Amino acid sequence: MRSITSIVIVLISLLALIPAQARVNDASAVDAIKQLEQEMGDALVAGDVGRLSKVYADDFATVSSGKIITKETLLTDFKSFHDKLEWFENGPMDVQVYGNVAVASATVKEKRSQDGKDTSGEFVWMDLLEKRDGQWVVVRSAGARLK
């Protein structure tokens, strides 16, 4: 229960980073972000570190098992197969766009292993994205196990 509370606090904190702008119903931005999220998952399955390097902002960070994970750590883990995503299936995705900042969230079912240990399950995730140099990139991320 304590870890779920911590995740909820992190997710709420992510929302505080959104500028005080009205939500923009930009269908092309929503579609681009949904496509980016799918491509990110596909790149994780393929171990395509080059593509992942473009998806994640240089200042990307997330929290996992009480540790801050940076872009460098994430890419290293996938290069070394320390973390391996075999397949995934996102549930319906919600994307809210606020100018050059957006929040995407969904559930996901994954077959995954970390250090050879099966860590598969169903999760909920939320990404904070920013449009930089004309491209959407993931700057922060949070998730929690559902099952």
C-alpha atoms as a PDB file:
ATOM      1  CA  MET A   1       0.000   0.000   0.000  1.00  0.00           C
ATOM      2  CA  ARG A   2       2.854   2.355   0.803  1.00  0.00           C
ATOM      3  CA  SER A   3       4.372   1.944  -2.684  1.00  0.00           C
ATOM      4  CA  ILE A   4       1.022   2.707  -4.343  1.00  0.00           C
ATOM      5  CA  THR A   5       0.724   5.871  -2.246  1.00  0.00           C
ATOM      6  CA  SER A   6       4.246   6.867  -3.299  1.00  0.00           C
ATOM      7  CA  ILE A   7       3.402   6.320  -6.967  1.00  0.00           C
ATOM      8  CA  VAL A   8       0.234   8.414  -6.648  1.00  0.00           C
ATOM      9  CA  ILE A   9       2.269  11.231  -5.093  1.00  0.00           C
ATOM     10  CA  VAL A  10       4.778  11.041  -7.961  1.00  0.00           C
ATOM     11  CA  LEU A  11       1.996  11.126 -10.558  1.00  0.00           C
ATOM     12  CA  ILE A  12       0.383  14.151  -8.919  1.00  0.00           C
ATOM     13  CA  SER A  13       3.788  15.833  -8.781  1.00  0.00           C
ATOM     14  CA  LEU A  14       4.171  15.315 -12.522  1.00  0.00           C
ATOM     15  CA  LEU A  15       0.957  17.215 -13.078  1.00  0.00           C
ATOM     16  CA  ALA A  16       2.347  20.158 -11.114  1.00  0.00           C
ATOM     17  CA  LEU A  17       5.008  20.559 -13.805  1.00  0.00           C
ATOM     18  CA  ILE A  18       2.399  21.433 -16.423  1.00  0.00           C
ATOM     19  CA  PRO A  19       2.284  25.161 -17.091  1.00  0.00           C
ATOM     20  CA  ALA A  20      -0.917  26.972 -16.197  1.00  0.00           C
ATOM     21  CA  GLN A  21      -2.271  26.702 -19.731  1.00  0.00           C
ATOM     22  CA  ALA A  22      -5.618  25.593 -20.990  1.00  0.00           C
ATOM     23  CA  ARG A  23      -5.769  22.119 -22.464  1.00  0.00           C
ATOM     24  CA  VAL A  24      -5.515  22.196 -26.241  1.00  0.00           C
ATOM     25  CA  ASN A  25      -7.499  19.678 -28.272  1.00  0.00           C
ATOM     26  CA  ASP A  26      -4.845  19.320 -30.974  1.00  0.00           C
ATOM     27  CA  ALA A  27      -5.728  16.058 -32.713  1.00  0.00           C
ATOM     28  CA  SER A  28      -2.435  15.944 -34.637  1.00  0.00           C
ATOM     29  CA  ALA A  29      -0.417  16.317 -31.406  1.00  0.00           C
ATOM     30  CA  VAL A  30      -2.504  13.619 -29.688  1.00  0.00           C
ATOM     31  CA  ASP A  31      -1.977  11.260 -32.638  1.00  0.00           C
ATOM     32  CA  ALA A  32       1.765  12.005 -32.747  1.00  0.00           C
ATOM     33  CA  ILE A  33       2.120  11.269 -29.028  1.00  0.00           C
ATOM     34  CA  LYS A  34       0.135   8.027 -29.265  1.00  0.00           C
ATOM     35  CA  GLN A  35       2.348   6.964 -32.164  1.00  0.00           C
ATOM     36  CA  LEU A  36       5.485   7.917 -30.216  1.00  0.00           C
ATOM     37  CA  GLU A  37       4.342   5.855 -27.213  1.00  0.00           C
ATOM     38  CA  GLN A  38       3.738   2.821 -29.474  1.00  0.00           C
ATOM     39  CA  GLU A  39       7.114   3.302 -31.189  1.00  0.00           C
ATOM     40  CA  MET A  40       8.804   3.568 -27.797  1.00  0.00           C
ATOM     41  CA  GLY A  41       7.352   0.210 -26.736  1.00  0.00           C
ATOM     42  CA  ASP A  42       8.319  -1.355 -30.067  1.00  0.00           C
ATOM     43  CA  ALA A  43      11.873   0.015 -29.653  1.00  0.00           C
ATOM     44  CA  LEU A  44      12.043  -1.422 -26.126  1.00  0.00           C
ATOM     45  CA  VAL A  45      11.035  -4.859 -27.457  1.00  0.00           C
ATOM     46  CA  ALA A  46      13.575  -4.618 -30.298  1.00  0.00           C
ATOM     47  CA  GLY A  47      16.301  -3.265 -28.003  1.00  0.00           C
ATOM     48  CA  ASP A  48      16.648  -0.354 -30.465  1.00  0.00           C
ATOM     49  CA  VAL A  49      18.781   1.929 -28.308  1.00  0.00           C
ATOM     50  CA  GLY A  50      19.202   4.432 -31.151  1.00  0.00           C
ATOM     51  CA  ARG A  51      15.452   4.980 -31.394  1.00  0.00           C
ATOM     52  CA  LEU A  52      15.079   5.075 -27.602  1.00  0.00           C
ATOM     53  CA  SER A  53      17.779   7.727 -27.429  1.00  0.00           C
ATOM     54  CA  LYS A  54      15.561   9.974 -29.571  1.00  0.00           C
ATOM     55  CA  VAL A  55      12.346   9.209 -27.642  1.00  0.00           C
ATOM     56  CA  TYR A  56      13.740  10.045 -24.200  1.00  0.00           C
ATOM     57  CA  ALA A  57      14.918  13.584 -23.440  1.00  0.00           C
ATOM     58  CA  ASP A  58      18.531  13.960 -22.344  1.00  0.00           C
ATOM     59  CA  ASP A  59      17.245  15.074 -18.920  1.00  0.00           C
ATOM     60  CA  PHE A  60      14.770  12.160 -18.632  1.00  0.00           C
ATOM     61  CA  ALA A  61      14.264  10.687 -15.169  1.00  0.00           C
ATOM     62  CA  THR A  62      11.948   8.272 -13.443  1.00  0.00           C
ATOM     63  CA  VAL A  63      11.876   6.463 -10.107  1.00  0.00           C
ATOM     64  CA  SER A  64      12.028   2.673  -9.892  1.00  0.00           C
ATOM     65  CA  SER A  65      12.513   0.585  -6.757  1.00  0.00           C
ATOM     66  CA  GLY A  66      13.435   3.698  -4.812  1.00  0.00           C
ATOM     67  CA  LYS A  67      16.185   4.707  -7.278  1.00  0.00           C
ATOM     68  CA  ILE A  68      16.273   7.537  -9.797  1.00  0.00           C
ATOM     69  CA  ILE A  69      16.679   6.136 -13.293  1.00  0.00           C
ATOM     70  CA  THR A  70      18.172   8.485 -15.894  1.00  0.00           C
ATOM     71  CA  LYS A  71      18.193   8.185 -19.673  1.00  0.00           C
ATOM     72  CA  GLU A  72      21.770   6.902 -19.510  1.00  0.00           C
ATOM     73  CA  THR A  73      20.843   4.161 -17.009  1.00  0.00           C
ATOM     74  CA  LEU A  74      17.776   3.126 -18.985  1.00  0.00           C
ATOM     75  CA  LEU A  75      19.694   2.856 -22.255  1.00  0.00           C
ATOM     76  CA  THR A  76      22.554   0.954 -20.599  1.00  0.00           C
ATOM     77  CA  ASP A  77      20.095  -1.533 -19.088  1.00  0.00           C
ATOM     78  CA  PHE A  78      18.578  -2.245 -22.502  1.00  0.00           C
ATOM     79  CA  LYS A  79      21.971  -2.431 -24.262  1.00  0.00           C
ATOM     80  CA  SER A  80      23.180  -5.019 -21.760  1.00  0.00           C
ATOM     81  CA  PHE A  81      19.867  -6.936 -21.716  1.00  0.00           C
ATOM     82  CA  HIS A  82      19.774  -6.310 -17.952  1.00  0.00           C
ATOM     83  CA  ASP A  83      16.159  -5.277 -18.665  1.00  0.00           C
ATOM     84  CA  LYS A  84      14.301  -7.083 -21.476  1.00  0.00           C
ATOM     85  CA  LEU A  85      10.771  -6.379 -22.707  1.00  0.00           C
ATOM     86  CA  GLU A  86       9.532  -9.341 -24.777  1.00  0.00           C
ATOM     87  CA  TRP A  87       6.087  -7.993 -25.653  1.00  0.00           C
ATOM     88  CA  PHE A  88       3.561  -5.416 -24.508  1.00  0.00           C
ATOM     89  CA  GLU A  89      -0.018  -4.370 -25.128  1.00  0.00           C
ATOM     90  CA  ASN A  90      -1.182  -0.898 -24.173  1.00  0.00           C
ATOM     91  CA  GLY A  91      -4.753  -0.355 -23.098  1.00  0.00           C
ATOM     92  CA  PRO A  92      -6.725   2.695 -24.243  1.00  0.00           C
ATOM     93  CA  MET A  93      -4.449   5.732 -24.013  1.00  0.00           C
ATOM     94  CA  ASP A  94      -5.436   9.159 -22.714  1.00  0.00           C
ATOM     95  CA  VAL A  95      -3.404  12.111 -23.992  1.00  0.00           C
ATOM     96  CA  GLN A  96      -3.854  15.675 -22.769  1.00  0.00           C
ATOM     97  CA  VAL A  97      -1.944  18.458 -24.540  1.00  0.00           C
ATOM     98  CA  TYR A  98      -1.122  21.772 -22.868  1.00  0.00           C
ATOM     99  CA  GLY A  99       0.778  23.817 -25.446  1.00  0.00           C
ATOM    100  CA  ASN A 100       4.260  22.294 -25.735  1.00  0.00           C
ATOM    101  CA  VAL A 101       3.692  19.941 -22.772  1.00  0.00           C
ATOM    102  CA  ALA A 102       1.545  16.796 -22.727  1.00  0.00           C
ATOM    103  CA  VAL A 103       0.596  13.959 -20.405  1.00  0.00           C
ATOM    104  CA  ALA A 104      -0.062  10.455 -21.734  1.00  0.00           C
ATOM    105  CA  SER A 105      -1.365   7.590 -19.610  1.00  0.00           C
ATOM    106  CA  ALA A 106      -2.648   4.058 -20.067  1.00  0.00           C
ATOM    107  CA  THR A 107      -2.495   0.563 -18.713  1.00  0.00           C
ATOM    108  CA  VAL A 108      -0.109  -1.961 -20.215  1.00  0.00           C
ATOM    109  CA  LYS A 109       0.302  -5.725 -20.095  1.00  0.00           C
ATOM    110  CA  GLU A 110       3.941  -6.789 -20.389  1.00  0.00           C
ATOM    111  CA  LYS A 111       6.104  -9.871 -20.616  1.00  0.00           C
ATOM    112  CA  ARG A 112       9.376  -8.600 -19.150  1.00  0.00           C
ATOM    113  CA  SER A 113      12.456  -9.803 -17.307  1.00  0.00           C
ATOM    114  CA  GLN A 114      15.059  -7.989 -15.250  1.00  0.00           C
ATOM    115  CA  ASP A 115      18.347  -9.700 -14.427  1.00  0.00           C
ATOM    116  CA  GLY A 116      16.781 -12.932 -15.716  1.00  0.00           C
ATOM    117  CA  LYS A 117      13.863 -12.691 -13.272  1.00  0.00           C
ATOM    118  CA  ASP A 118      10.317 -12.580 -14.665  1.00  0.00           C
ATOM    119  CA  THR A 119       8.791  -9.189 -13.837  1.00  0.00           C
ATOM    120  CA  SER A 120       5.768  -9.512 -16.152  1.00  0.00           C
ATOM    121  CA  GLY A 121       2.407  -8.108 -15.215  1.00  0.00           C
ATOM    122  CA  GLU A 122      -0.156  -5.421 -15.750  1.00  0.00           C
ATOM    123  CA  PHE A 123       0.822  -1.841 -14.995  1.00  0.00           C
ATOM    124  CA  VAL A 124      -0.476   1.700 -15.189  1.00  0.00           C
ATOM    125  CA  TRP A 125       1.873   4.351 -16.543  1.00  0.00           C
ATOM    126  CA  MET A 126       2.008   8.083 -17.107  1.00  0.00           C
ATOM    127  CA  ASP A 127       4.519   9.984 -19.224  1.00  0.00           C
ATOM    128  CA  LEU A 128       5.174  13.710 -19.199  1.00  0.00           C
ATOM    129  CA  LEU A 129       6.277  14.866 -22.644  1.00  0.00           C
ATOM    130  CA  GLU A 130       7.589  18.134 -23.999  1.00  0.00           C
ATOM    131  CA  LYS A 131       7.861  19.309 -27.589  1.00  0.00           C
ATOM    132  CA  ARG A 132      11.504  20.229 -28.170  1.00  0.00           C
ATOM    133  CA  ASP A 133      12.884  21.296 -31.534  1.00  0.00           C
ATOM    134  CA  GLY A 134       9.615  20.212 -33.160  1.00  0.00           C
ATOM    135  CA  GLN A 135       9.659  16.684 -31.664  1.00  0.00           C
ATOM    136  CA  TRP A 136       7.836  15.220 -28.678  1.00  0.00           C
ATOM    137  CA  VAL A 137      10.163  13.617 -26.111  1.00  0.00           C
ATOM    138  CA  VAL A 138       9.504  11.889 -22.799  1.00  0.00           C
ATOM    139  CA  VAL A 139      10.927  13.931 -19.908  1.00  0.00           C
ATOM    140  CA  ARG A 140       9.415  12.133 -16.900  1.00  0.00           C
ATOM    141  CA  SER A 141       7.642   8.836 -16.379  1.00  0.00           C
ATOM    142  CA  ALA A 142       5.944   6.970 -13.568  1.00  0.00           C
ATOM    143  CA  GLY A 143       4.221   3.619 -13.286  1.00  0.00           C
ATOM    144  CA  ALA A 144       2.818   1.116 -10.854  1.00  0.00           C
ATOM    145  CA  ARG A 145       1.954  -2.581 -10.932  1.00  0.00           C
ATOM    146  CA  LEU A 146      -1.739  -3.391 -11.035  1.00  0.00           C
ATOM    147  CA  LYS A 147      -1.568  -7.197 -10.958  1.00  0.00           C
END
